[in-house]
Amino acid sequence: MNGAAGTGLDRAAARRAFERAAACYDAAAVLQREVATRLLERLDLIRFAPRTVLDAGCGTGFALAALHRRWPRARLLGLDLAVAMARRARRALPWWRRRRLRVMAGDLQALPLRDASVDLVFSSLALQWCDDLDAALGECRRVLRPGGLLLFTTFGPDTLKELRAAWAEADGHVHVNTFTDLHDVGDALVRQGFVDPVTDAEWITMTYRTVRDLMDDLKAVGAHNVNRGRPPGLTGRGRLARMEAAYEKFRVDGRLPATHEIVYGHAFAPELEPGVRPVAWHPRAPA
């Protein structure tokens, strides 16, 4: 799948799903916290002292709190597609620490920030909900100051491969979101003008007692099927039963696996030539 093209995701449906999931997200987001923690650990390898940090796709604020602990004097910006998520993220820090925190609802594909206003864009498991990867990466590139860093994770195409295969045996509809290959992510970084891009991947397998438990977890974190080609209406009991039966062939030691391919990436905004200022640059301009 080419990252430059639309993925066929229904962004409005994704936003509604995350709005509904905000209240129960933290209880179910085991994988999301683990991936964010691993991404935060990668900052240990980079000597960096950002003045302004954007958590793009901040969810309920798990990474915002960790970023504050790492750089307590930095200005923190949190952004999420869902208003309800953004409201919860603001509460991730104690009230007396919120002076340097701004959380907003907004779109990663149209960031409500000035050009060259951010030193670090941190984004964990948010890019897969963009229907135009190039547009989202282009926005990250736009808001980064020269030499600024983009650090992110997103899902790769092996994610939920067992569920996808089981549904393929049950009917001909698209029931599982599709995700971009790490090589295509790397190509998109280059197209958007980033320098020194690096991508790699690892696989995390969650296990469940039943398929229904897996589907309940996906619903609780807002990870619904939001493909435009998803089947209309409710899924009939017969098709659901066929899918559950097909999934049983993956059972190991009494548990059903759910694979998640985690694509990691980082890249830098290019440094400017001496004496050249970025567009809209101003020494006192707020983000």
C-alpha atoms as a PDB file:
ATOM      1  CA  MET A   1       0.000   0.000   0.000  1.00  0.00           C
ATOM      2  CA  ASN A   2       1.480   3.324  -1.019  1.00  0.00           C
ATOM      3  CA  GLY A   3       1.707   5.775   1.844  1.00  0.00           C
ATOM      4  CA  ALA A   4       1.044   8.667  -0.487  1.00  0.00           C
ATOM      5  CA  ALA A   5      -2.434   7.500  -1.300  1.00  0.00           C
ATOM      6  CA  GLY A   6      -5.512   7.468   0.892  1.00  0.00           C
ATOM      7  CA  THR A   7      -5.973   4.250   2.810  1.00  0.00           C
ATOM      8  CA  GLY A   8      -9.762   4.152   2.564  1.00  0.00           C
ATOM      9  CA  LEU A   9     -10.167   4.881   6.276  1.00  0.00           C
ATOM     10  CA  ASP A  10     -13.307   6.659   7.415  1.00  0.00           C
ATOM     11  CA  ARG A  11     -11.815   9.400   9.622  1.00  0.00           C
ATOM     12  CA  ALA A  12     -15.183  10.515  10.939  1.00  0.00           C
ATOM     13  CA  ALA A  13     -15.930   6.964  12.071  1.00  0.00           C
ATOM     14  CA  ALA A  14     -12.510   6.753  13.728  1.00  0.00           C
ATOM     15  CA  ARG A  15     -13.162   9.979  15.621  1.00  0.00           C
ATOM     16  CA  ARG A  16     -16.533   8.730  16.845  1.00  0.00           C
ATOM     17  CA  ALA A  17     -14.991   5.435  17.972  1.00  0.00           C
ATOM     18  CA  PHE A  18     -12.335   7.201  20.045  1.00  0.00           C
ATOM     19  CA  GLU A  19     -14.887   9.590  21.543  1.00  0.00           C
ATOM     20  CA  ARG A  20     -16.908   6.594  22.759  1.00  0.00           C
ATOM     21  CA  ALA A  21     -13.809   4.756  24.001  1.00  0.00           C
ATOM     22  CA  ALA A  22     -12.336   7.579  26.098  1.00  0.00           C
ATOM     23  CA  ALA A  23     -13.983   6.510  29.356  1.00  0.00           C
ATOM     24  CA  CYS A  24     -12.832   2.873  29.161  1.00  0.00           C
ATOM     25  CA  TYR A  25      -9.582   3.329  27.234  1.00  0.00           C
ATOM     26  CA  ASP A  26      -7.118   3.224  30.123  1.00  0.00           C
ATOM     27  CA  ALA A  27      -8.436  -0.075  31.475  1.00  0.00           C
ATOM     28  CA  ALA A  28      -7.922  -1.826  28.117  1.00  0.00           C
ATOM     29  CA  ALA A  29      -4.862  -0.062  26.656  1.00  0.00           C
ATOM     30  CA  VAL A  30      -2.242  -2.584  27.810  1.00  0.00           C
ATOM     31  CA  LEU A  31      -0.615  -2.870  24.391  1.00  0.00           C
ATOM     32  CA  GLN A  32      -0.735   0.880  23.771  1.00  0.00           C
ATOM     33  CA  ARG A  33       1.055   1.643  27.055  1.00  0.00           C
ATOM     34  CA  GLU A  34       3.698  -1.003  26.369  1.00  0.00           C
ATOM     35  CA  VAL A  35       4.416   0.366  22.893  1.00  0.00           C
ATOM     36  CA  ALA A  36       4.559   3.946  24.189  1.00  0.00           C
ATOM     37  CA  THR A  37       6.976   2.851  26.925  1.00  0.00           C
ATOM     38  CA  ARG A  38       9.265   1.179  24.378  1.00  0.00           C
ATOM     39  CA  LEU A  39       9.166   4.266  22.186  1.00  0.00           C
ATOM     40  CA  LEU A  40       9.999   6.514  25.152  1.00  0.00           C
ATOM     41  CA  GLU A  41      12.997   4.298  25.937  1.00  0.00           C
ATOM     42  CA  ARG A  42      14.403   5.099  22.498  1.00  0.00           C
ATOM     43  CA  LEU A  43      14.802   8.690  23.623  1.00  0.00           C
ATOM     44  CA  ASP A  44      17.564   7.443  25.951  1.00  0.00           C
ATOM     45  CA  LEU A  45      19.711   6.914  22.860  1.00  0.00           C
ATOM     46  CA  ILE A  46      19.283  10.475  21.590  1.00  0.00           C
ATOM     47  CA  ARG A  47      20.979  13.479  23.164  1.00  0.00           C
ATOM     48  CA  PHE A  48      18.238  16.005  22.914  1.00  0.00           C
ATOM     49  CA  ALA A  49      16.922  18.898  25.010  1.00  0.00           C
ATOM     50  CA  PRO A  50      13.732  20.099  23.308  1.00  0.00           C
ATOM     51  CA  ARG A  51      12.061  23.360  24.281  1.00  0.00           C
ATOM     52  CA  THR A  52       8.680  22.368  22.829  1.00  0.00           C
ATOM     53  CA  VAL A  53       7.351  18.809  22.528  1.00  0.00           C
ATOM     54  CA  LEU A  54       4.219  17.699  20.677  1.00  0.00           C
ATOM     55  CA  ASP A  55       2.562  14.386  21.538  1.00  0.00           C
ATOM     56  CA  ALA A  56       0.564  13.821  18.353  1.00  0.00           C
ATOM     57  CA  GLY A  57      -2.225  11.362  19.121  1.00  0.00           C
ATOM     58  CA  CYS A  58      -1.834  11.704  22.871  1.00  0.00           C
ATOM     59  CA  GLY A  59      -4.851   9.598  23.843  1.00  0.00           C
ATOM     60  CA  THR A  60      -5.516   9.953  27.571  1.00  0.00           C
ATOM     61  CA  GLY A  61      -2.039  11.325  28.292  1.00  0.00           C
ATOM     62  CA  PHE A  62       0.157   8.374  29.301  1.00  0.00           C
ATOM     63  CA  ALA A  63       3.126   9.557  27.232  1.00  0.00           C
ATOM     64  CA  LEU A  64       2.529  13.229  28.071  1.00  0.00           C
ATOM     65  CA  ALA A  65       3.180  12.494  31.728  1.00  0.00           C
ATOM     66  CA  ALA A  66       6.342  10.537  30.871  1.00  0.00           C
ATOM     67  CA  LEU A  67       7.594  13.308  28.575  1.00  0.00           C
ATOM     68  CA  HIS A  68       7.065  15.826  31.364  1.00  0.00           C
ATOM     69  CA  ARG A  69       9.118  13.706  33.762  1.00  0.00           C
ATOM     70  CA  ARG A  70      11.917  13.551  31.200  1.00  0.00           C
ATOM     71  CA  TRP A  71      11.904  17.275  30.362  1.00  0.00           C
ATOM     72  CA  PRO A  72      10.083  19.131  33.167  1.00  0.00           C
ATOM     73  CA  ARG A  73      11.006  22.562  31.750  1.00  0.00           C
ATOM     74  CA  ALA A  74       9.853  21.851  28.204  1.00  0.00           C
ATOM     75  CA  ARG A  75       6.562  23.169  26.894  1.00  0.00           C
ATOM     76  CA  LEU A  76       4.251  20.210  26.236  1.00  0.00           C
ATOM     77  CA  LEU A  77       1.575  20.107  23.557  1.00  0.00           C
ATOM     78  CA  GLY A  78      -0.891  17.247  23.364  1.00  0.00           C
ATOM     79  CA  LEU A  79      -3.167  16.640  20.405  1.00  0.00           C
ATOM     80  CA  ASP A  80      -5.798  13.988  19.800  1.00  0.00           C
ATOM     81  CA  LEU A  81      -8.465  13.421  17.199  1.00  0.00           C
ATOM     82  CA  ALA A  82     -11.136  12.960  19.892  1.00  0.00           C
ATOM     83  CA  VAL A  83     -12.251  15.779  22.201  1.00  0.00           C
ATOM     84  CA  ALA A  84     -13.005  13.327  25.022  1.00  0.00           C
ATOM     85  CA  MET A  85      -9.469  11.887  24.822  1.00  0.00           C
ATOM     86  CA  ALA A  86      -7.912  15.370  24.871  1.00  0.00           C
ATOM     87  CA  ARG A  87      -9.918  16.320  27.956  1.00  0.00           C
ATOM     88  CA  ARG A  88      -8.661  13.265  29.815  1.00  0.00           C
ATOM     89  CA  ALA A  89      -5.094  13.871  28.660  1.00  0.00           C
ATOM     90  CA  ARG A  90      -5.071  17.287  30.300  1.00  0.00           C
ATOM     91  CA  ARG A  91      -5.605  15.548  33.629  1.00  0.00           C
ATOM     92  CA  ALA A  92      -2.509  13.362  33.100  1.00  0.00           C
ATOM     93  CA  LEU A  93      -0.418  15.977  34.931  1.00  0.00           C
ATOM     94  CA  PRO A  94      -1.154  17.426  38.396  1.00  0.00           C
ATOM     95  CA  TRP A  95      -2.875  20.776  38.149  1.00  0.00           C
ATOM     96  CA  TRP A  96       0.180  22.671  39.411  1.00  0.00           C
ATOM     97  CA  ARG A  97       2.266  21.225  36.551  1.00  0.00           C
ATOM     98  CA  ARG A  98      -0.155  22.191  33.785  1.00  0.00           C
ATOM     99  CA  ARG A  99       1.207  25.702  33.300  1.00  0.00           C
ATOM    100  CA  ARG A 100       3.515  24.412  30.561  1.00  0.00           C
ATOM    101  CA  LEU A 101       0.915  22.043  29.092  1.00  0.00           C
ATOM    102  CA  ARG A 102      -1.552  22.689  26.281  1.00  0.00           C
ATOM    103  CA  VAL A 103      -3.867  19.909  25.108  1.00  0.00           C
ATOM    104  CA  MET A 104      -6.131  20.276  22.100  1.00  0.00           C
ATOM    105  CA  ALA A 105      -8.411  18.265  19.874  1.00  0.00           C
ATOM    106  CA  GLY A 106      -7.168  18.289  16.323  1.00  0.00           C
ATOM    107  CA  ASP A 107      -6.146  16.396  13.221  1.00  0.00           C
ATOM    108  CA  LEU A 108      -2.645  15.057  12.654  1.00  0.00           C
ATOM    109  CA  GLN A 109      -3.184  15.755   8.966  1.00  0.00           C
ATOM    110  CA  ALA A 110      -3.852  19.457   9.664  1.00  0.00           C
ATOM    111  CA  LEU A 111      -1.930  20.390  12.810  1.00  0.00           C
ATOM    112  CA  PRO A 112      -3.173  23.630  14.430  1.00  0.00           C
ATOM    113  CA  LEU A 113       0.406  24.839  14.989  1.00  0.00           C
ATOM    114  CA  ARG A 114       2.719  27.350  13.349  1.00  0.00           C
ATOM    115  CA  ASP A 115       5.537  26.394  11.017  1.00  0.00           C
ATOM    116  CA  ALA A 116       8.826  25.559  12.740  1.00  0.00           C
ATOM    117  CA  SER A 117       7.366  25.781  16.254  1.00  0.00           C
ATOM    118  CA  VAL A 118       8.194  22.347  17.727  1.00  0.00           C
ATOM    119  CA  ASP A 119      11.485  20.579  18.530  1.00  0.00           C
ATOM    120  CA  LEU A 120      10.128  17.040  18.970  1.00  0.00           C
ATOM    121  CA  VAL A 121       7.054  15.363  17.523  1.00  0.00           C
ATOM    122  CA  PHE A 122       6.370  12.195  19.498  1.00  0.00           C
ATOM    123  CA  SER A 123       3.577   9.991  18.141  1.00  0.00           C
ATOM    124  CA  SER A 124       2.752   6.504  19.385  1.00  0.00           C
ATOM    125  CA  LEU A 125       0.185   4.425  17.490  1.00  0.00           C
ATOM    126  CA  ALA A 126      -1.630   7.324  15.874  1.00  0.00           C
ATOM    127  CA  LEU A 127      -0.415   7.480  12.271  1.00  0.00           C
ATOM    128  CA  GLN A 128      -2.346   4.333  11.324  1.00  0.00           C
ATOM    129  CA  TRP A 129      -5.575   6.306  11.807  1.00  0.00           C
ATOM    130  CA  CYS A 130      -4.588   8.825   9.122  1.00  0.00           C
ATOM    131  CA  ASP A 131      -6.079   8.228   5.687  1.00  0.00           C
ATOM    132  CA  ASP A 132      -3.178  10.076   4.021  1.00  0.00           C
ATOM    133  CA  LEU A 133       0.194   9.177   5.531  1.00  0.00           C
ATOM    134  CA  ASP A 134       2.067  11.705   3.399  1.00  0.00           C
ATOM    135  CA  ALA A 135      -0.206  14.505   4.571  1.00  0.00           C
ATOM    136  CA  ALA A 136       0.345  13.575   8.233  1.00  0.00           C
ATOM    137  CA  LEU A 137       4.125  13.294   7.872  1.00  0.00           C
ATOM    138  CA  GLY A 138       4.180  16.511   5.875  1.00  0.00           C
ATOM    139  CA  GLU A 139       2.437  18.280   8.748  1.00  0.00           C
ATOM    140  CA  CYS A 140       4.980  16.893  11.213  1.00  0.00           C
ATOM    141  CA  ARG A 141       7.759  18.152   8.964  1.00  0.00           C
ATOM    142  CA  ARG A 142       6.113  21.576   8.687  1.00  0.00           C
ATOM    143  CA  VAL A 143       5.847  22.199  12.443  1.00  0.00           C
ATOM    144  CA  LEU A 144       9.351  20.932  13.281  1.00  0.00           C
ATOM    145  CA  ARG A 145      12.146  23.418  13.728  1.00  0.00           C
ATOM    146  CA  PRO A 146      15.319  22.829  11.685  1.00  0.00           C
ATOM    147  CA  GLY A 147      17.071  19.802  13.171  1.00  0.00           C
ATOM    148  CA  GLY A 148      13.902  18.777  15.020  1.00  0.00           C
ATOM    149  CA  LEU A 149      13.061  15.124  15.590  1.00  0.00           C
ATOM    150  CA  LEU A 150      10.046  13.006  14.633  1.00  0.00           C
ATOM    151  CA  LEU A 151       9.784   9.790  16.676  1.00  0.00           C
ATOM    152  CA  PHE A 152       6.824   7.478  16.128  1.00  0.00           C
ATOM    153  CA  THR A 153       5.250   4.059  16.085  1.00  0.00           C
ATOM    154  CA  THR A 154       2.475   2.774  13.879  1.00  0.00           C
ATOM    155  CA  PHE A 155       0.966  -0.610  13.098  1.00  0.00           C
ATOM    156  CA  GLY A 156       2.372  -2.733  10.268  1.00  0.00           C
ATOM    157  CA  PRO A 157       0.467  -5.067   7.919  1.00  0.00           C
ATOM    158  CA  ASP A 158       0.857  -8.197  10.081  1.00  0.00           C
ATOM    159  CA  THR A 159      -1.276  -6.588  12.775  1.00  0.00           C
ATOM    160  CA  LEU A 160      -4.314  -8.748  13.594  1.00  0.00           C
ATOM    161  CA  LYS A 161      -3.400 -11.156  10.807  1.00  0.00           C
ATOM    162  CA  GLU A 162      -5.176 -14.027  12.585  1.00  0.00           C
ATOM    163  CA  LEU A 163      -8.422 -12.054  12.852  1.00  0.00           C
ATOM    164  CA  ARG A 164      -8.128 -10.975   9.218  1.00  0.00           C
ATOM    165  CA  ALA A 165      -7.624 -14.588   8.074  1.00  0.00           C
ATOM    166  CA  ALA A 166     -10.530 -15.839  10.162  1.00  0.00           C
ATOM    167  CA  TRP A 167     -12.888 -13.237   8.734  1.00  0.00           C
ATOM    168  CA  ALA A 168     -11.697 -14.067   5.202  1.00  0.00           C
ATOM    169  CA  GLU A 169     -13.012 -17.590   5.731  1.00  0.00           C
ATOM    170  CA  ALA A 170     -16.328 -16.288   7.065  1.00  0.00           C
ATOM    171  CA  ASP A 171     -17.297 -13.810   4.305  1.00  0.00           C
ATOM    172  CA  GLY A 172     -15.880 -11.557   1.637  1.00  0.00           C
ATOM    173  CA  HIS A 173     -16.122  -8.247   3.506  1.00  0.00           C
ATOM    174  CA  VAL A 174     -13.322  -6.151   4.996  1.00  0.00           C
ATOM    175  CA  HIS A 175     -13.500  -6.495   8.787  1.00  0.00           C
ATOM    176  CA  VAL A 176      -9.951  -5.544   9.831  1.00  0.00           C
ATOM    177  CA  ASN A 177      -8.152  -2.274   9.137  1.00  0.00           C
ATOM    178  CA  THR A 178      -5.176  -2.426   6.773  1.00  0.00           C
ATOM    179  CA  PHE A 179      -1.801  -0.989   7.736  1.00  0.00           C
ATOM    180  CA  THR A 180       1.220   0.381   5.886  1.00  0.00           C
ATOM    181  CA  ASP A 181       4.477  -1.554   5.396  1.00  0.00           C
ATOM    182  CA  LEU A 182       7.577  -0.093   7.083  1.00  0.00           C
ATOM    183  CA  HIS A 183       9.321   0.363   3.725  1.00  0.00           C
ATOM    184  CA  ASP A 184       6.436   2.481   2.486  1.00  0.00           C
ATOM    185  CA  VAL A 185       6.582   4.493   5.718  1.00  0.00           C
ATOM    186  CA  GLY A 186      10.282   5.105   5.095  1.00  0.00           C
ATOM    187  CA  ASP A 187       9.593   6.171   1.511  1.00  0.00           C
ATOM    188  CA  ALA A 188       6.959   8.630   2.740  1.00  0.00           C
ATOM    189  CA  LEU A 189       9.446  10.176   5.176  1.00  0.00           C
ATOM    190  CA  VAL A 190      11.842  10.800   2.289  1.00  0.00           C
ATOM    191  CA  ARG A 191       9.093  12.266   0.111  1.00  0.00           C
ATOM    192  CA  GLN A 192       8.208  14.713   2.862  1.00  0.00           C
ATOM    193  CA  GLY A 193      11.748  16.029   3.138  1.00  0.00           C
ATOM    194  CA  PHE A 194      12.959  14.327   6.297  1.00  0.00           C
ATOM    195  CA  VAL A 195      16.626  13.404   6.585  1.00  0.00           C
ATOM    196  CA  ASP A 196      18.315  10.334   8.082  1.00  0.00           C
ATOM    197  CA  PRO A 197      15.051   8.317   8.294  1.00  0.00           C
ATOM    198  CA  VAL A 198      15.213   4.985  10.098  1.00  0.00           C
ATOM    199  CA  THR A 199      12.430   2.405  10.357  1.00  0.00           C
ATOM    200  CA  ASP A 200      12.337  -1.023  11.976  1.00  0.00           C
ATOM    201  CA  ALA A 201       9.710  -3.379  13.310  1.00  0.00           C
ATOM    202  CA  GLU A 202       8.979  -5.872  16.053  1.00  0.00           C
ATOM    203  CA  TRP A 203       6.062  -8.180  16.743  1.00  0.00           C
ATOM    204  CA  ILE A 204       4.065  -8.283  19.974  1.00  0.00           C
ATOM    205  CA  THR A 205       1.556 -11.079  20.475  1.00  0.00           C
ATOM    206  CA  MET A 206      -1.345 -10.681  22.889  1.00  0.00           C
ATOM    207  CA  THR A 207      -3.333 -13.780  23.851  1.00  0.00           C
ATOM    208  CA  TYR A 208      -7.003 -14.193  24.653  1.00  0.00           C
ATOM    209  CA  ARG A 209      -9.324 -16.823  25.964  1.00  0.00           C
ATOM    210  CA  THR A 210     -11.913 -16.173  23.237  1.00  0.00           C
ATOM    211  CA  VAL A 211     -12.271 -14.096  20.079  1.00  0.00           C
ATOM    212  CA  ARG A 212     -14.988 -12.116  21.826  1.00  0.00           C
ATOM    213  CA  ASP A 213     -12.429 -11.044  24.458  1.00  0.00           C
ATOM    214  CA  LEU A 214     -10.150  -9.752  21.688  1.00  0.00           C
ATOM    215  CA  MET A 215     -12.981  -7.884  20.009  1.00  0.00           C
ATOM    216  CA  ASP A 216     -14.060  -6.372  23.346  1.00  0.00           C
ATOM    217  CA  ASP A 217     -10.506  -5.064  23.865  1.00  0.00           C
ATOM    218  CA  LEU A 218     -10.422  -3.557  20.377  1.00  0.00           C
ATOM    219  CA  LYS A 219     -13.735  -1.833  21.001  1.00  0.00           C
ATOM    220  CA  ALA A 220     -12.600  -0.540  24.403  1.00  0.00           C
ATOM    221  CA  VAL A 221      -9.584   1.250  22.896  1.00  0.00           C
ATOM    222  CA  GLY A 222     -11.542   2.589  19.918  1.00  0.00           C
ATOM    223  CA  ALA A 223      -9.843   0.306  17.383  1.00  0.00           C
ATOM    224  CA  HIS A 224     -12.948  -0.398  15.346  1.00  0.00           C
ATOM    225  CA  ASN A 225     -13.029  -1.437  11.720  1.00  0.00           C
ATOM    226  CA  VAL A 226     -13.194   1.994  10.065  1.00  0.00           C
ATOM    227  CA  ASN A 227     -12.456   0.957   6.487  1.00  0.00           C
ATOM    228  CA  ARG A 228     -14.844   2.523   4.008  1.00  0.00           C
ATOM    229  CA  GLY A 229     -15.416  -0.962   2.591  1.00  0.00           C
ATOM    230  CA  ARG A 230     -16.643  -2.392   5.892  1.00  0.00           C
ATOM    231  CA  PRO A 231     -19.925  -4.314   5.747  1.00  0.00           C
ATOM    232  CA  PRO A 232     -23.020  -2.194   6.429  1.00  0.00           C
ATOM    233  CA  GLY A 233     -25.171  -2.968   9.446  1.00  0.00           C
ATOM    234  CA  LEU A 234     -24.615  -5.596  12.094  1.00  0.00           C
ATOM    235  CA  THR A 235     -22.703  -8.798  11.441  1.00  0.00           C
ATOM    236  CA  GLY A 236     -25.049 -11.791  11.482  1.00  0.00           C
ATOM    237  CA  ARG A 237     -24.657 -14.544  14.057  1.00  0.00           C
ATOM    238  CA  GLY A 238     -23.873 -17.094  11.382  1.00  0.00           C
ATOM    239  CA  ARG A 239     -20.935 -15.176   9.954  1.00  0.00           C
ATOM    240  CA  LEU A 240     -19.655 -14.391  13.426  1.00  0.00           C
ATOM    241  CA  ALA A 241     -19.807 -18.066  14.365  1.00  0.00           C
ATOM    242  CA  ARG A 242     -17.924 -19.019  11.181  1.00  0.00           C
ATOM    243  CA  MET A 243     -15.231 -16.463  11.989  1.00  0.00           C
ATOM    244  CA  GLU A 244     -14.868 -17.758  15.550  1.00  0.00           C
ATOM    245  CA  ALA A 245     -14.580 -21.330  14.295  1.00  0.00           C
ATOM    246  CA  ALA A 246     -11.927 -20.318  11.759  1.00  0.00           C
ATOM    247  CA  TYR A 247      -9.924 -18.515  14.440  1.00  0.00           C
ATOM    248  CA  GLU A 248      -9.710 -21.703  16.529  1.00  0.00           C
ATOM    249  CA  LYS A 249      -6.990 -23.131  14.270  1.00  0.00           C
ATOM    250  CA  PHE A 250      -4.609 -20.522  15.734  1.00  0.00           C
ATOM    251  CA  ARG A 251      -5.175 -21.604  19.349  1.00  0.00           C
ATOM    252  CA  VAL A 252      -1.967 -22.543  21.196  1.00  0.00           C
ATOM    253  CA  ASP A 253      -1.811 -23.831  24.785  1.00  0.00           C
ATOM    254  CA  GLY A 254      -5.428 -22.911  25.301  1.00  0.00           C
ATOM    255  CA  ARG A 255      -5.064 -19.275  24.179  1.00  0.00           C
ATOM    256  CA  LEU A 256      -5.830 -17.410  20.965  1.00  0.00           C
ATOM    257  CA  PRO A 257      -2.990 -15.183  19.676  1.00  0.00           C
ATOM    258  CA  ALA A 258      -3.422 -11.696  18.266  1.00  0.00           C
ATOM    259  CA  THR A 259      -0.279 -10.502  16.491  1.00  0.00           C
ATOM    260  CA  HIS A 260       0.623  -6.816  16.369  1.00  0.00           C
ATOM    261  CA  GLU A 261       3.418  -5.630  14.084  1.00  0.00           C
ATOM    262  CA  ILE A 262       4.884  -2.454  15.558  1.00  0.00           C
ATOM    263  CA  VAL A 263       6.703  -0.202  13.109  1.00  0.00           C
ATOM    264  CA  TYR A 264       9.141   2.230  14.717  1.00  0.00           C
ATOM    265  CA  GLY A 265      10.500   5.255  12.924  1.00  0.00           C
ATOM    266  CA  HIS A 266      12.494   8.383  13.467  1.00  0.00           C
ATOM    267  CA  ALA A 267      13.776  11.120  11.202  1.00  0.00           C
ATOM    268  CA  PHE A 268      14.993  14.693  11.414  1.00  0.00           C
ATOM    269  CA  ALA A 269      13.894  17.941   9.868  1.00  0.00           C
ATOM    270  CA  PRO A 270      16.818  19.230   7.796  1.00  0.00           C
ATOM    271  CA  GLU A 271      19.110  21.878   9.195  1.00  0.00           C
ATOM    272  CA  LEU A 272      19.000  25.208   7.394  1.00  0.00           C
ATOM    273  CA  GLU A 273      21.925  26.825   5.677  1.00  0.00           C
ATOM    274  CA  PRO A 274      23.615  29.462   7.896  1.00  0.00           C
ATOM    275  CA  GLY A 275      21.667  32.712   7.947  1.00  0.00           C
ATOM    276  CA  VAL A 276      18.470  31.191   6.476  1.00  0.00           C
ATOM    277  CA  ARG A 277      15.321  31.282   8.606  1.00  0.00           C
ATOM    278  CA  PRO A 278      12.340  28.958   8.226  1.00  0.00           C
ATOM    279  CA  VAL A 279       9.059  30.310   6.895  1.00  0.00           C
ATOM    280  CA  ALA A 280       6.977  32.038   9.607  1.00  0.00           C
ATOM    281  CA  TRP A 281       9.943  31.951  12.003  1.00  0.00           C
ATOM    282  CA  HIS A 282       9.892  34.506  14.810  1.00  0.00           C
ATOM    283  CA  PRO A 283      12.054  34.414  17.945  1.00  0.00           C
ATOM    284  CA  ARG A 284       9.084  34.999  20.243  1.00  0.00           C
ATOM    285  CA  ALA A 285       6.314  33.353  18.228  1.00  0.00           C
ATOM    286  CA  PRO A 286       4.217  30.949  20.345  1.00  0.00           C
ATOM    287  CA  ALA A 287       3.294  27.529  18.996  1.00  0.00           C
END
